[in-house]
Amino acid sequence: MASSMLISILITFLVIILVLYLVQRLPLDARMRQIAQIIVLIIGIISLLKYLAVF
């Protein structure tokens, strides 16, 4: 049980990093890029908190 939760958290963390990298590569205005990064971080933090059974 604990190892599967740890793997899920690790995969989620890696996906967050990958999406942040891809957002950085998009040809967007700096302000829009920052908004997209904030949205990705909020969604990522919420999904990590779900795995830790906070929500």
Protein backbone atom coordinates (compact mmCIF):
# COMPACT_ATOMS: atom_id res chain seq x y z
CA MET A 1 0.00 0.00 0.00
CA ALA A 2 2.70 2.49 0.96
CA SER A 3 4.87 1.71 -2.05
CA SER A 4 2.00 2.22 -4.51
CA MET A 5 1.17 5.55 -2.88
CA LEU A 6 4.82 6.58 -3.08
CA ILE A 7 4.98 5.62 -6.76
CA SER A 8 1.78 7.58 -7.46
CA ILE A 9 3.18 10.64 -5.72
CA LEU A 10 6.43 10.35 -7.66
CA ILE A 11 4.64 10.00 -10.99
CA THR A 12 2.43 12.98 -10.20
CA PHE A 13 5.47 15.05 -9.26
CA LEU A 14 7.23 14.11 -12.50
CA VAL A 15 4.14 14.97 -14.56
CA ILE A 16 3.95 18.38 -12.87
CA ILE A 17 7.59 19.05 -13.73
CA LEU A 18 7.07 17.92 -17.32
CA VAL A 19 3.99 20.11 -17.81
CA LEU A 20 5.78 23.11 -16.30
CA TYR A 21 8.65 22.54 -18.72
CA LEU A 22 6.25 22.32 -21.66
CA VAL A 23 4.45 25.49 -20.58
CA GLN A 24 7.83 27.22 -20.45
CA ARG A 25 8.46 26.17 -24.07
CA LEU A 26 5.15 27.57 -25.36
CA PRO A 27 5.35 30.75 -27.44
CA LEU A 28 3.20 32.79 -25.09
CA ASP A 29 3.37 36.22 -23.60
CA ALA A 30 5.31 36.27 -20.32
CA ARG A 31 2.17 37.14 -18.34
CA MET A 32 0.16 34.29 -19.88
CA ARG A 33 3.02 31.86 -19.29
CA GLN A 34 3.14 32.86 -15.62
CA ILE A 35 -0.63 32.39 -15.26
CA ALA A 36 -0.41 28.95 -16.89
CA GLN A 37 2.44 27.94 -14.56
CA ILE A 38 0.45 29.04 -11.51
CA ILE A 39 -2.57 27.04 -12.67
CA VAL A 40 -0.42 23.94 -13.23
CA LEU A 41 1.14 24.33 -9.78
CA ILE A 42 -2.23 24.69 -8.06
CA ILE A 43 -3.65 21.64 -9.82
CA GLY A 44 -0.48 19.67 -9.05
CA ILE A 45 -0.49 20.59 -5.38
CA ILE A 46 -4.17 19.66 -5.07
CA SER A 47 -3.56 16.28 -6.71
CA LEU A 48 -0.57 15.61 -4.43
CA LEU A 49 -2.66 16.50 -1.39
CA LYS A 50 -5.31 14.04 -2.58
CA TYR A 51 -2.72 11.27 -2.56
CA LEU A 52 -1.74 12.22 0.96
CA ALA A 53 -5.44 12.02 1.98
CA VAL A 54 -5.67 15.64 3.03
CA PHE A 55 -8.75 16.20 0.86
